[in-house]
Structure formats: structure tokens, C-alpha cells
Amino acid sequence: MEKKDIREDGKYVRMNDAKVDPKMFQTFPTGKLIDSILSDDGGLMRSIVLMVIGDPGVGKTTITSDLLADIQIQYPELDILFISSEEGFIDRAYSQRKSPKTGATLTLFLGEEKEKVLTLQDVLNQGWDIILVDSFKDTQDKIQAEGDMNSAEAEAFLLNLMVNCSHGENAKGTYTTFVCIQQVTKGKEFAGSNSLKHNTTAMMEMRFSKEFPNQRYVEFTKNRRCGAMVGEKLYYWFDPEDKQLKYSRKPNEQIVTVETNDTVVLPRRVYSLEELLEYVPRNWTIKKKSDECRRLQIEINNGTPIKIINK
């Protein structure tokens, strides 16, 4: 009896016979430590859908926009786009002052577009190399409201757009990489369906450390491009002196040093409230500050006075 080729009905694929474009596995290393957990090849890869979740205020937009900016610097020929659904032009202009290099990335302010669904379809079809979406849920909500869909339909619509583009189904045949910031539930869990979870290549979580106060870390809970590094924590912080994100496998011991019960000595001089907030614990509130923060009187939520002294 002659053996039937089971691929004839289109349901099966013998991977040894499949044609795979090597461009689908192109990698974009930045030279930073975060490359080591993004993929086995070291860096963000093409043709993936990466979801980024985390605690409010932990720096999801900061890290992802910084990553794209570093890639753009290394690979100026790439077409990289930031789709901002939550922030408008003015808010983005303000936050971008902290890290000027992120301002070089082309940005689409989806909330300011009249026909959001059509705009999204047209833009994705142009064939971008990398697209950052902030956030997936807010973009989904805008599609739902304008497209007369329910939540599940809007999620599926947006996910299908991204998956198709990641497979090269766009005007240029480009294998697009999507980095999507996703909102979390009140329990700080992923906000999305099981279908959304299963159709994403990787899940990156950003958290405030419970073990080390005032420390933040990033880790993957799922990564089909770098399974061996799932669960590996990278601590990160923003250095306001050189306006760069720094990564380490160990907590940054220089963020805040408490010498007495009422004095905190910073590792370097700060000149603005924005810089100061990179160092002090999140539960501290500002009571009074001088122009240069040389002497800054603040208080903890319980009213205990704390004096900040710059080195």
C-alpha cells in the first residue's frame, strides 16, 4: 500500500521540508544586559509578539521605549514605530525630557486620530520592523468602541492584525516585531484572554521587589525564544546623570543609603524633584524642597520628618 503524503490536505507540515525565511530570526542586540534574557541569540528578535506587564509606575513605558531607542541607534535603517494609545502629545513630550534619545522614535498618537480602526489597519500594513503598542488593552478598547464590537471581538481583531504582520503579511513583507504593554487586573495579573496569552511569544513582567525596598526588576514568565532564562531577574534603574537605564543581576546598592534614623545620603547630587524620586522609597511624600535639593525636608506618610543630604 502506497504511503499517502499527509500534507496534501493542508493540515500537516513536515518541518524538515518546510521553507523558513532566515530573516524571521534576525536579532537586534543593544549591547545591554537585557539582551541576555530577550532571546537565546541575544537581543530582541523579529516576528514575535512580546507582552509586557507590571505594577503601575514601575517603568514599563520607560524600559520599552528605551529598548527601541537603543535598537534604533544601533540599526538606523530599521522602521520603528511607537503607537501611543494612552498618552497624548503633551504628556509624551513631558515624559520624553527624561530620556531625550527616545524622542527620535516615530510616534503615532492613536487617541488623537478620528478613524482609529482604519488608521491602525493602514499603519500596520505599511510594514514596520518593530512596533511598540502602549497599551494593548487601551487600543483594544478604542477598537471596541469605534468598531461596534464586544471585548472578545476587539481583542481578536487586534491580535490577528499583529500576528499577520509578524508573519510578513503587510505591504513590504516585513516580519514585524510587536512589543505590547498590557494592563493588569486589580490583583496585578495579566488582563487578557487565554487566547491572547497563548498567541504571544513571550511575557515579560516588571515588578517592585518585595525583598529589596525601592528596587525594581524585570523577568520573563514565558519566552519561546529564551526558555532557559525564564524566571531570571534583572534589576534596573535610571541613572539621571547620563540619562541611561542600567541593568544588573544584583540589586543596586547605591540607590539609597540610610545612615541614621532621620538622614538619607544620596550617592550623587540631584538637581530636580524628578531625579530625587529615582532614589527615595515610593512611600515617601515630598513636604518641602529647595531649588537645588541641597537640603530637602520630606516626610514619610506617618509624618516622621526625614532630611535629604546630597553628597
Foldseek 3Di string as FASTA:
>chain_A
DDDDDPCPVVPDDDVVPDDDDCQLFDFQALPAPVQVACFVVGHPGFLFEEEEFEDPPLQPVPVVLQNVLSSCVVPVPFQEEEEEAPDDPVVVVVVCVLAVSSVVHHYDHLNPDPQNVVVVLVVLQVQGAEYEYEALQSSLVVCCVRVVHDSVVSSVVVLVSLNCSCCQNHPVSHNHYYYHYAYADPVRHGPDDPVVVVRGQWYKYKYQDPVDFLWIWIATCGHNRRVVRHPQIWIWAADSVVSDIHIDSDTDPQLWDDDDPAEIEHPAFAADPVNNVRRDGPQWDFDDADRRRQWGWTAGPVRHIHIYHYD
